[in-house]
Amino acid sequence: MKYLIVGLGNVGGDYEGTRHNIGFDVVDYLANEAGVTFELDSQAFVSRMKFKGRQLILIKPTTYMNLSGKAVRYWMNKENISIDHVLVLLDDLNLPLGRLRMRAKGSDGGHNGLKNIQELLGRTDYPRLRIGIGNEFSKGRQVNYVLGEWSKEEMKLIPELMKQSAEAVKQFCSIGLARAMNAVNTSSED
């Protein structure tokens, strides 16, 4: 069984370590844990790992956030992966820092990466893992916050957030979406 795990983010040094790139950071964490590396391929940096007999294709789109759908569609078609075996990892301002929310479908919630995926796939029913980055910014400062680096206080929480997010991906691939949603959404509310 193959799964496409899509970390959303922006390529380039200017975006490394920013809240908006947490999707990239989680797939990097998974790759590091599995001892695999990313290589530049068509429309994405790609890595492959095995987990419990399943092949996980990890991608970090090189199309930039606003055109993420191009890479998602390309890799789904290239690898012949159905929509229910795709998991999109993204930052979410509407969740407190550290809170995870796995969903089977939903709106783009104002997230440009999801908006483009929705447009190019022509559907909203694809699994996603929303990773809370909080919303500690003043009015009109949303872009600076999202594209800003983590504060020292936030950095203390990031290792555990990476671990929990990676575990959520593994649950999605091993026990299925419904059971993973139940586990992830319940445990992140504690």
N, C-alpha and C. Protein backbone atom coordinates (compact mmCIF):
# COMPACT_ATOMS: atom_id res chain seq x y z
N MET A 1 0.85 -1.20 0.00
CA MET A 1 0.00 0.00 0.00
C MET A 1 0.88 1.24 0.00
N LYS A 2 0.47 2.21 -0.82
CA LYS A 2 1.22 3.46 -0.91
C LYS A 2 0.40 4.62 -0.34
N TYR A 3 1.10 5.53 0.32
CA TYR A 3 0.48 6.73 0.87
C TYR A 3 1.31 7.93 0.44
N LEU A 4 0.61 9.01 0.11
CA LEU A 4 1.27 10.27 -0.23
C LEU A 4 1.12 11.21 0.95
N ILE A 5 2.23 11.56 1.57
CA ILE A 5 2.22 12.45 2.73
C ILE A 5 2.79 13.78 2.26
N VAL A 6 1.93 14.80 2.26
CA VAL A 6 2.27 16.10 1.69
C VAL A 6 2.49 17.12 2.80
N GLY A 7 3.71 17.56 2.96
CA GLY A 7 4.00 18.64 3.91
C GLY A 7 3.90 19.96 3.17
N LEU A 8 3.05 20.86 3.63
CA LEU A 8 2.94 22.15 2.97
C LEU A 8 3.94 23.14 3.55
N GLY A 9 4.47 23.97 2.67
CA GLY A 9 5.44 24.98 3.07
C GLY A 9 5.95 25.72 1.86
N ASN A 10 6.94 26.54 2.07
CA ASN A 10 7.59 27.29 0.99
C ASN A 10 9.07 26.93 0.97
N VAL A 11 9.61 26.77 -0.24
CA VAL A 11 11.03 26.43 -0.36
C VAL A 11 11.89 27.68 -0.21
N GLY A 12 13.11 27.48 0.22
CA GLY A 12 14.06 28.58 0.33
C GLY A 12 14.38 28.93 1.77
N GLY A 13 15.59 29.42 1.96
CA GLY A 13 16.09 29.76 3.28
C GLY A 13 15.26 30.78 4.03
N ASP A 14 14.62 31.70 3.30
CA ASP A 14 13.81 32.73 3.95
C ASP A 14 12.64 32.14 4.73
N TYR A 15 12.21 30.94 4.35
CA TYR A 15 11.03 30.34 4.97
C TYR A 15 11.35 29.26 6.00
N GLU A 16 12.61 28.83 6.06
CA GLU A 16 12.98 27.79 7.02
C GLU A 16 12.74 28.27 8.45
N GLY A 17 12.20 27.38 9.26
CA GLY A 17 11.96 27.72 10.66
C GLY A 17 10.79 28.64 10.91
N THR A 18 9.94 28.84 9.89
CA THR A 18 8.76 29.69 10.08
C THR A 18 7.54 28.83 10.41
N ARG A 19 6.55 29.46 10.98
CA ARG A 19 5.31 28.76 11.36
C ARG A 19 4.63 28.15 10.13
N HIS A 20 4.68 28.86 9.00
CA HIS A 20 4.00 28.42 7.79
C HIS A 20 4.61 27.13 7.22
N ASN A 21 5.84 26.83 7.60
CA ASN A 21 6.53 25.65 7.05
C ASN A 21 6.45 24.43 7.95
N ILE A 22 5.53 24.41 8.88
CA ILE A 22 5.48 23.28 9.81
C ILE A 22 5.19 21.97 9.08
N GLY A 23 4.47 22.02 7.97
CA GLY A 23 4.23 20.81 7.18
C GLY A 23 5.53 20.23 6.66
N PHE A 24 6.41 21.08 6.13
CA PHE A 24 7.74 20.66 5.69
C PHE A 24 8.50 20.05 6.87
N ASP A 25 8.41 20.72 8.02
CA ASP A 25 9.18 20.28 9.19
C ASP A 25 8.76 18.87 9.64
N VAL A 26 7.47 18.58 9.56
CA VAL A 26 6.99 17.26 10.00
C VAL A 26 7.47 16.17 9.04
N VAL A 27 7.41 16.41 7.73
CA VAL A 27 7.90 15.37 6.81
C VAL A 27 9.42 15.23 6.93
N ASP A 28 10.12 16.33 7.23
CA ASP A 28 11.57 16.23 7.50
C ASP A 28 11.81 15.35 8.73
N TYR A 29 11.00 15.55 9.76
CA TYR A 29 11.12 14.76 10.99
C TYR A 29 10.92 13.27 10.69
N LEU A 30 9.88 12.96 9.91
CA LEU A 30 9.61 11.56 9.54
C LEU A 30 10.78 10.96 8.77
N ALA A 31 11.31 11.72 7.81
CA ALA A 31 12.43 11.24 7.00
C ALA A 31 13.67 11.01 7.87
N ASN A 32 13.95 11.95 8.75
CA ASN A 32 15.10 11.81 9.65
C ASN A 32 14.96 10.57 10.53
N GLU A 33 13.75 10.38 11.06
CA GLU A 33 13.48 9.24 11.92
C GLU A 33 13.70 7.92 11.17
N ALA A 34 13.33 7.90 9.88
CA ALA A 34 13.45 6.68 9.07
C ALA A 34 14.83 6.55 8.43
N GLY A 35 15.66 7.58 8.56
CA GLY A 35 16.99 7.53 7.97
C GLY A 35 17.01 7.66 6.46
N VAL A 36 16.03 8.38 5.91
CA VAL A 36 15.96 8.60 4.46
C VAL A 36 16.14 10.08 4.17
N THR A 37 16.51 10.40 2.93
CA THR A 37 16.75 11.79 2.55
C THR A 37 15.84 12.19 1.40
N PHE A 38 15.71 13.49 1.22
CA PHE A 38 14.90 14.04 0.14
C PHE A 38 15.76 14.31 -1.08
N GLU A 39 15.17 14.11 -2.25
CA GLU A 39 15.82 14.46 -3.51
C GLU A 39 14.85 15.31 -4.31
N LEU A 40 15.40 16.25 -5.05
CA LEU A 40 14.57 17.09 -5.90
C LEU A 40 14.07 16.26 -7.08
N ASP A 41 12.77 16.28 -7.27
CA ASP A 41 12.14 15.58 -8.37
C ASP A 41 11.14 16.56 -8.97
N SER A 42 10.26 16.09 -9.81
CA SER A 42 9.31 16.98 -10.46
C SER A 42 8.36 17.62 -9.45
N GLN A 43 8.37 18.93 -9.35
CA GLN A 43 7.47 19.74 -8.53
C GLN A 43 7.56 19.52 -7.02
N ALA A 44 8.57 18.77 -6.57
CA ALA A 44 8.67 18.51 -5.12
C ALA A 44 10.02 17.91 -4.76
N PHE A 45 10.38 18.09 -3.49
CA PHE A 45 11.44 17.28 -2.89
C PHE A 45 10.73 16.02 -2.42
N VAL A 46 11.30 14.86 -2.72
CA VAL A 46 10.62 13.59 -2.48
C VAL A 46 11.52 12.64 -1.68
N SER A 47 10.90 11.92 -0.77
CA SER A 47 11.59 10.89 -0.02
C SER A 47 10.62 9.72 0.14
N ARG A 48 11.17 8.54 0.28
CA ARG A 48 10.33 7.35 0.44
C ARG A 48 10.77 6.59 1.68
N MET A 49 9.80 6.14 2.44
CA MET A 49 10.09 5.36 3.64
C MET A 49 9.08 4.25 3.78
N LYS A 50 9.44 3.25 4.56
CA LYS A 50 8.53 2.15 4.84
C LYS A 50 8.07 2.26 6.29
N PHE A 51 6.80 1.90 6.50
CA PHE A 51 6.27 1.85 7.86
C PHE A 51 5.22 0.76 7.92
N LYS A 52 5.47 -0.28 8.70
CA LYS A 52 4.54 -1.40 8.88
C LYS A 52 4.05 -1.95 7.53
N GLY A 53 5.00 -2.18 6.63
CA GLY A 53 4.67 -2.77 5.33
C GLY A 53 4.06 -1.82 4.33
N ARG A 54 3.95 -0.56 4.69
CA ARG A 54 3.38 0.43 3.78
C ARG A 54 4.49 1.34 3.27
N GLN A 55 4.32 1.81 2.03
CA GLN A 55 5.28 2.75 1.48
C GLN A 55 4.71 4.16 1.64
N LEU A 56 5.47 5.02 2.29
CA LEU A 56 5.08 6.42 2.45
C LEU A 56 5.95 7.25 1.53
N ILE A 57 5.29 7.98 0.65
CA ILE A 57 5.98 8.90 -0.24
C ILE A 57 5.80 10.28 0.36
N LEU A 58 6.89 10.83 0.87
CA LEU A 58 6.86 12.13 1.53
C LEU A 58 7.22 13.19 0.49
N ILE A 59 6.40 14.22 0.39
CA ILE A 59 6.76 15.30 -0.55
C ILE A 59 6.68 16.67 0.12
N LYS A 60 7.60 17.53 -0.34
CA LYS A 60 7.60 18.94 0.02
C LYS A 60 7.53 19.69 -1.31
N PRO A 61 6.32 20.16 -1.68
CA PRO A 61 6.17 20.83 -2.98
C PRO A 61 7.14 21.99 -3.17
N THR A 62 7.69 22.10 -4.38
CA THR A 62 8.57 23.21 -4.72
C THR A 62 7.80 24.31 -5.45
N THR A 63 6.49 24.16 -5.49
CA THR A 63 5.61 25.09 -6.21
C THR A 63 5.23 26.31 -5.38
N TYR A 64 5.72 26.39 -4.17
CA TYR A 64 5.32 27.39 -3.17
C TYR A 64 3.89 27.10 -2.72
N MET A 65 3.59 27.58 -1.53
CA MET A 65 2.33 27.28 -0.86
C MET A 65 1.11 27.49 -1.75
N ASN A 66 1.06 28.64 -2.42
CA ASN A 66 -0.16 29.00 -3.16
C ASN A 66 -0.44 28.12 -4.37
N LEU A 67 0.53 27.30 -4.78
CA LEU A 67 0.34 26.40 -5.92
C LEU A 67 0.58 24.94 -5.51
N SER A 68 0.37 24.62 -4.25
CA SER A 68 0.62 23.27 -3.73
C SER A 68 -0.16 22.21 -4.48
N GLY A 69 -1.33 22.55 -4.97
CA GLY A 69 -2.18 21.57 -5.67
C GLY A 69 -1.52 20.96 -6.89
N LYS A 70 -0.65 21.73 -7.55
CA LYS A 70 0.04 21.20 -8.74
C LYS A 70 0.87 19.99 -8.38
N ALA A 71 1.63 20.09 -7.30
CA ALA A 71 2.48 18.98 -6.87
C ALA A 71 1.64 17.81 -6.35
N VAL A 72 0.60 18.11 -5.60
CA VAL A 72 -0.26 17.05 -5.06
C VAL A 72 -0.88 16.26 -6.21
N ARG A 73 -1.46 16.95 -7.16
CA ARG A 73 -2.11 16.28 -8.31
C ARG A 73 -1.08 15.47 -9.10
N TYR A 74 0.09 16.06 -9.36
CA TYR A 74 1.13 15.39 -10.13
C TYR A 74 1.54 14.07 -9.46
N TRP A 75 1.83 14.11 -8.15
CA TRP A 75 2.31 12.91 -7.45
C TRP A 75 1.22 11.88 -7.23
N MET A 76 -0.01 12.32 -7.05
CA MET A 76 -1.12 11.36 -6.97
C MET A 76 -1.21 10.57 -8.27
N ASN A 77 -1.14 11.29 -9.40
CA ASN A 77 -1.24 10.64 -10.71
C ASN A 77 -0.01 9.77 -10.99
N LYS A 78 1.17 10.31 -10.76
CA LYS A 78 2.41 9.58 -11.05
C LYS A 78 2.48 8.27 -10.27
N GLU A 79 2.09 8.29 -9.00
CA GLU A 79 2.19 7.11 -8.14
C GLU A 79 0.88 6.32 -8.06
N ASN A 80 -0.14 6.80 -8.77
CA ASN A 80 -1.45 6.14 -8.78
C ASN A 80 -1.98 5.94 -7.35
N ILE A 81 -2.03 7.05 -6.62
CA ILE A 81 -2.49 7.02 -5.22
C ILE A 81 -3.88 7.65 -5.13
N SER A 82 -4.80 6.92 -4.52
CA SER A 82 -6.16 7.43 -4.40
C SER A 82 -6.24 8.50 -3.31
N ILE A 83 -7.27 9.32 -3.40
CA ILE A 83 -7.44 10.46 -2.50
C ILE A 83 -7.46 10.05 -1.03
N ASP A 84 -7.98 8.85 -0.73
CA ASP A 84 -8.06 8.42 0.67
C ASP A 84 -6.71 7.98 1.22
N HIS A 85 -5.68 7.92 0.38
CA HIS A 85 -4.32 7.59 0.83
C HIS A 85 -3.40 8.80 0.75
N VAL A 86 -4.01 9.98 0.70
CA VAL A 86 -3.25 11.24 0.71
C VAL A 86 -3.50 11.91 2.05
N LEU A 87 -2.44 12.43 2.67
CA LEU A 87 -2.60 13.21 3.90
C LEU A 87 -1.80 14.50 3.74
N VAL A 88 -2.50 15.63 3.85
CA VAL A 88 -1.88 16.95 3.71
C VAL A 88 -1.63 17.51 5.12
N LEU A 89 -0.39 17.94 5.37
CA LEU A 89 0.00 18.48 6.67
C LEU A 89 0.17 19.98 6.54
N LEU A 90 -0.50 20.76 7.39
CA LEU A 90 -0.46 22.21 7.25
C LEU A 90 -0.56 22.92 8.58
N ASP A 91 -0.15 24.18 8.56
CA ASP A 91 -0.27 25.06 9.72
C ASP A 91 -1.70 25.56 9.84
N ASP A 92 -2.17 25.78 11.05
CA ASP A 92 -3.52 26.28 11.26
C ASP A 92 -3.54 27.35 12.35
N LEU A 93 -3.89 28.57 11.96
CA LEU A 93 -4.00 29.69 12.89
C LEU A 93 -5.15 29.55 13.88
N ASN A 94 -6.15 28.77 13.50
CA ASN A 94 -7.36 28.67 14.32
C ASN A 94 -7.24 27.65 15.45
N LEU A 95 -6.10 26.98 15.51
CA LEU A 95 -5.86 26.03 16.60
C LEU A 95 -4.72 26.55 17.47
N PRO A 96 -4.82 26.36 18.78
CA PRO A 96 -3.73 26.78 19.66
C PRO A 96 -2.45 26.03 19.32
N LEU A 97 -1.33 26.62 19.59
CA LEU A 97 -0.04 25.99 19.33
C LEU A 97 0.00 24.61 19.98
N GLY A 98 0.32 23.61 19.16
CA GLY A 98 0.44 22.25 19.67
C GLY A 98 -0.78 21.38 19.49
N ARG A 99 -1.92 21.97 19.21
CA ARG A 99 -3.14 21.19 19.03
C ARG A 99 -3.17 20.62 17.61
N LEU A 100 -3.54 19.35 17.49
CA LEU A 100 -3.65 18.71 16.19
C LEU A 100 -5.12 18.42 15.90
N ARG A 101 -5.47 18.51 14.63
CA ARG A 101 -6.84 18.20 14.23
C ARG A 101 -6.78 17.48 12.88
N MET A 102 -7.15 16.20 12.87
CA MET A 102 -7.19 15.44 11.62
C MET A 102 -8.63 15.45 11.11
N ARG A 103 -8.76 15.69 9.82
CA ARG A 103 -10.08 15.76 9.19
C ARG A 103 -10.09 14.98 7.88
N ALA A 104 -11.26 14.44 7.53
CA ALA A 104 -11.43 13.71 6.28
C ALA A 104 -11.75 14.66 5.13
N LYS A 105 -12.28 15.82 5.47
CA LYS A 105 -12.67 16.80 4.46
C LYS A 105 -12.88 18.14 5.15
N GLY A 106 -13.19 19.15 4.37
CA GLY A 106 -13.48 20.45 4.97
C GLY A 106 -13.16 21.59 4.03
N SER A 107 -13.38 22.78 4.52
CA SER A 107 -13.10 23.97 3.72
C SER A 107 -11.61 24.27 3.77
N ASP A 108 -11.19 25.24 2.98
CA ASP A 108 -9.78 25.62 3.01
C ASP A 108 -9.47 26.49 4.23
N GLY A 109 -10.50 27.01 4.89
CA GLY A 109 -10.31 27.82 6.10
C GLY A 109 -9.42 29.04 5.88
N GLY A 110 -9.36 29.53 4.64
CA GLY A 110 -8.53 30.68 4.33
C GLY A 110 -7.07 30.34 4.07
N HIS A 111 -6.74 29.04 4.08
CA HIS A 111 -5.36 28.60 3.84
C HIS A 111 -5.12 28.47 2.34
N ASN A 112 -4.18 29.25 1.80
CA ASN A 112 -3.97 29.27 0.35
C ASN A 112 -3.49 27.94 -0.21
N GLY A 113 -2.73 27.19 0.56
CA GLY A 113 -2.29 25.88 0.10
C GLY A 113 -3.47 24.95 -0.12
N LEU A 114 -4.38 24.89 0.87
CA LEU A 114 -5.57 24.05 0.75
C LEU A 114 -6.47 24.55 -0.37
N LYS A 115 -6.57 25.86 -0.50
CA LYS A 115 -7.42 26.46 -1.54
C LYS A 115 -6.99 25.96 -2.93
N ASN A 116 -5.67 25.96 -3.18
CA ASN A 116 -5.16 25.53 -4.47
C ASN A 116 -5.34 24.02 -4.67
N ILE A 117 -5.13 23.24 -3.62
CA ILE A 117 -5.33 21.79 -3.72
C ILE A 117 -6.79 21.51 -4.08
N GLN A 118 -7.69 22.19 -3.40
CA GLN A 118 -9.12 22.04 -3.65
C GLN A 118 -9.47 22.39 -5.10
N GLU A 119 -8.92 23.51 -5.59
CA GLU A 119 -9.20 23.94 -6.96
C GLU A 119 -8.71 22.91 -7.97
N LEU A 120 -7.48 22.42 -7.79
CA LEU A 120 -6.90 21.52 -8.78
C LEU A 120 -7.41 20.09 -8.69
N LEU A 121 -7.81 19.65 -7.50
CA LEU A 121 -8.38 18.31 -7.37
C LEU A 121 -9.89 18.33 -7.62
N GLY A 122 -10.49 19.53 -7.51
CA GLY A 122 -11.92 19.65 -7.73
C GLY A 122 -12.75 19.01 -6.63
N ARG A 123 -12.21 18.97 -5.44
CA ARG A 123 -12.92 18.34 -4.31
C ARG A 123 -12.36 18.83 -2.99
N THR A 124 -13.15 18.65 -1.93
CA THR A 124 -12.72 19.06 -0.59
C THR A 124 -12.57 17.85 0.34
N ASP A 125 -12.85 16.67 -0.18
CA ASP A 125 -12.83 15.46 0.66
C ASP A 125 -11.50 14.73 0.55
N TYR A 126 -10.46 15.38 1.05
CA TYR A 126 -9.16 14.73 1.13
C TYR A 126 -8.66 14.90 2.57
N PRO A 127 -8.02 13.88 3.12
CA PRO A 127 -7.56 13.94 4.51
C PRO A 127 -6.49 15.02 4.72
N ARG A 128 -6.58 15.66 5.87
CA ARG A 128 -5.58 16.66 6.22
C ARG A 128 -5.33 16.65 7.72
N LEU A 129 -4.10 16.99 8.09
CA LEU A 129 -3.74 17.13 9.49
C LEU A 129 -3.39 18.59 9.71
N ARG A 130 -4.27 19.26 10.45
CA ARG A 130 -4.07 20.67 10.77
C ARG A 130 -3.23 20.74 12.04
N ILE A 131 -2.15 21.51 11.99
CA ILE A 131 -1.23 21.62 13.11
C ILE A 131 -1.32 23.04 13.66
N GLY A 132 -1.79 23.16 14.88
CA GLY A 132 -2.01 24.47 15.48
C GLY A 132 -0.73 25.26 15.67
N ILE A 133 -0.74 26.50 15.16
CA ILE A 133 0.40 27.40 15.36
C ILE A 133 0.00 28.60 16.22
N GLY A 134 -1.26 28.62 16.68
CA GLY A 134 -1.73 29.72 17.51
C GLY A 134 -2.01 30.96 16.67
N ASN A 135 -2.47 32.00 17.35
CA ASN A 135 -2.79 33.25 16.65
C ASN A 135 -2.45 34.45 17.53
N GLU A 136 -1.23 34.44 18.02
CA GLU A 136 -0.76 35.50 18.91
C GLU A 136 -0.21 36.70 18.12
N PHE A 137 -1.07 37.33 17.35
CA PHE A 137 -0.63 38.49 16.57
C PHE A 137 -1.70 39.58 16.65
N SER A 138 -1.27 40.80 16.46
CA SER A 138 -2.21 41.91 16.50
C SER A 138 -2.87 42.09 15.14
N LYS A 139 -3.97 42.78 15.13
CA LYS A 139 -4.76 43.00 13.92
C LYS A 139 -3.87 43.49 12.77
N GLY A 140 -4.03 42.86 11.61
CA GLY A 140 -3.28 43.25 10.43
C GLY A 140 -1.87 42.67 10.36
N ARG A 141 -1.49 41.85 11.34
CA ARG A 141 -0.13 41.30 11.38
C ARG A 141 -0.09 39.79 11.09
N GLN A 142 -1.16 39.26 10.54
CA GLN A 142 -1.27 37.82 10.31
C GLN A 142 -0.15 37.29 9.41
N VAL A 143 0.13 37.96 8.30
CA VAL A 143 1.15 37.49 7.36
C VAL A 143 2.52 37.44 8.04
N ASN A 144 2.84 38.51 8.79
CA ASN A 144 4.13 38.54 9.50
C ASN A 144 4.23 37.41 10.52
N TYR A 145 3.12 37.12 11.17
CA TYR A 145 3.10 36.06 12.18
C TYR A 145 3.32 34.69 11.53
N VAL A 146 2.54 34.41 10.49
CA VAL A 146 2.61 33.11 9.82
C VAL A 146 3.99 32.89 9.20
N LEU A 147 4.55 33.94 8.59
CA LEU A 147 5.85 33.82 7.95
C LEU A 147 7.01 34.11 8.91
N GLY A 148 6.67 34.34 10.18
CA GLY A 148 7.69 34.61 11.19
C GLY A 148 8.25 33.33 11.80
N GLU A 149 9.41 33.47 12.41
CA GLU A 149 10.03 32.33 13.08
C GLU A 149 9.42 32.13 14.46
N TRP A 150 9.57 30.91 14.96
CA TRP A 150 9.07 30.59 16.29
C TRP A 150 9.79 31.41 17.35
N SER A 151 9.06 31.80 18.38
CA SER A 151 9.69 32.49 19.51
C SER A 151 10.47 31.45 20.35
N LYS A 152 11.29 31.93 21.26
CA LYS A 152 12.04 31.01 22.13
C LYS A 152 11.10 30.15 22.96
N GLU A 153 10.02 30.76 23.44
CA GLU A 153 9.05 30.01 24.24
C GLU A 153 8.37 28.93 23.39
N GLU A 154 7.98 29.29 22.17
CA GLU A 154 7.33 28.32 21.27
C GLU A 154 8.29 27.18 20.92
N MET A 155 9.57 27.51 20.73
CA MET A 155 10.56 26.50 20.34
C MET A 155 10.64 25.36 21.35
N LYS A 156 10.34 25.64 22.59
CA LYS A 156 10.37 24.59 23.62
C LYS A 156 9.30 23.53 23.37
N LEU A 157 8.21 23.92 22.69
CA LEU A 157 7.10 23.00 22.43
C LEU A 157 7.25 22.25 21.12
N ILE A 158 8.12 22.72 20.24
CA ILE A 158 8.21 22.17 18.88
C ILE A 158 8.66 20.70 18.85
N PRO A 159 9.67 20.27 19.60
CA PRO A 159 10.06 18.85 19.53
C PRO A 159 8.89 17.89 19.81
N GLU A 160 8.11 18.19 20.84
CA GLU A 160 6.97 17.33 21.16
C GLU A 160 5.90 17.42 20.07
N LEU A 161 5.71 18.59 19.51
CA LEU A 161 4.73 18.76 18.43
C LEU A 161 5.14 17.95 17.20
N MET A 162 6.43 17.95 16.87
CA MET A 162 6.94 17.15 15.75
C MET A 162 6.67 15.67 15.99
N LYS A 163 6.97 15.22 17.20
CA LYS A 163 6.78 13.81 17.56
C LYS A 163 5.30 13.41 17.45
N GLN A 164 4.41 14.24 17.99
CA GLN A 164 2.98 13.94 17.95
C GLN A 164 2.44 13.97 16.52
N SER A 165 2.91 14.92 15.73
CA SER A 165 2.45 15.04 14.34
C SER A 165 2.91 13.83 13.53
N ALA A 166 4.17 13.40 13.73
CA ALA A 166 4.70 12.22 13.03
C ALA A 166 3.91 10.98 13.43
N GLU A 167 3.59 10.88 14.71
CA GLU A 167 2.80 9.74 15.20
C GLU A 167 1.41 9.75 14.55
N ALA A 168 0.81 10.92 14.38
CA ALA A 168 -0.50 11.03 13.73
C ALA A 168 -0.43 10.53 12.28
N VAL A 169 0.65 10.87 11.58
CA VAL A 169 0.83 10.39 10.20
C VAL A 169 0.91 8.87 10.18
N LYS A 170 1.68 8.32 11.09
CA LYS A 170 1.83 6.86 11.15
C LYS A 170 0.50 6.17 11.47
N GLN A 171 -0.28 6.78 12.36
CA GLN A 171 -1.59 6.22 12.68
C GLN A 171 -2.49 6.24 11.46
N PHE A 172 -2.48 7.34 10.73
CA PHE A 172 -3.28 7.46 9.51
C PHE A 172 -2.96 6.31 8.56
N CYS A 173 -1.67 6.02 8.39
CA CYS A 173 -1.24 4.99 7.44
C CYS A 173 -1.46 3.57 7.96
N SER A 174 -1.47 3.39 9.27
CA SER A 174 -1.55 2.04 9.81
C SER A 174 -2.95 1.62 10.29
N ILE A 175 -3.69 2.53 10.91
CA ILE A 175 -5.01 2.13 11.44
C ILE A 175 -6.17 2.77 10.69
N GLY A 176 -5.87 3.59 9.70
CA GLY A 176 -6.93 4.18 8.89
C GLY A 176 -7.38 5.53 9.40
N LEU A 177 -8.02 6.26 8.53
CA LEU A 177 -8.42 7.64 8.83
C LEU A 177 -9.36 7.75 10.02
N ALA A 178 -10.42 6.95 10.04
CA ALA A 178 -11.44 7.10 11.09
C ALA A 178 -10.83 6.88 12.48
N ARG A 179 -10.09 5.80 12.63
CA ARG A 179 -9.49 5.49 13.94
C ARG A 179 -8.39 6.50 14.28
N ALA A 180 -7.63 6.92 13.27
CA ALA A 180 -6.57 7.91 13.52
C ALA A 180 -7.18 9.24 13.95
N MET A 181 -8.28 9.64 13.29
CA MET A 181 -8.96 10.89 13.69
C MET A 181 -9.40 10.81 15.13
N ASN A 182 -9.96 9.69 15.50
CA ASN A 182 -10.44 9.51 16.86
C ASN A 182 -9.28 9.63 17.86
N ALA A 183 -8.18 8.98 17.55
CA ALA A 183 -7.01 9.01 18.45
C ALA A 183 -6.38 10.39 18.50
N VAL A 184 -6.14 10.98 17.34
CA VAL A 184 -5.44 12.26 17.25
C VAL A 184 -6.28 13.40 17.83
N ASN A 185 -7.54 13.45 17.42
CA ASN A 185 -8.38 14.57 17.83
C ASN A 185 -8.72 14.49 19.32
N THR A 186 -8.82 13.31 19.87
CA THR A 186 -9.10 13.16 21.29
C THR A 186 -7.86 13.49 22.10
N SER A 187 -6.70 12.92 21.71
CA SER A 187 -5.49 13.11 22.51
C SER A 187 -5.00 14.55 22.48
N SER A 188 -5.27 15.27 21.40
CA SER A 188 -4.77 16.65 21.34
C SER A 188 -5.66 17.61 22.11
N GLU A 189 -6.77 17.13 22.62
CA GLU A 189 -7.65 18.00 23.40
C GLU A 189 -7.37 17.92 24.89
N ASP A 190 -6.55 16.95 25.27
CA ASP A 190 -6.24 16.78 26.71
C ASP A 190 -5.56 18.00 27.30
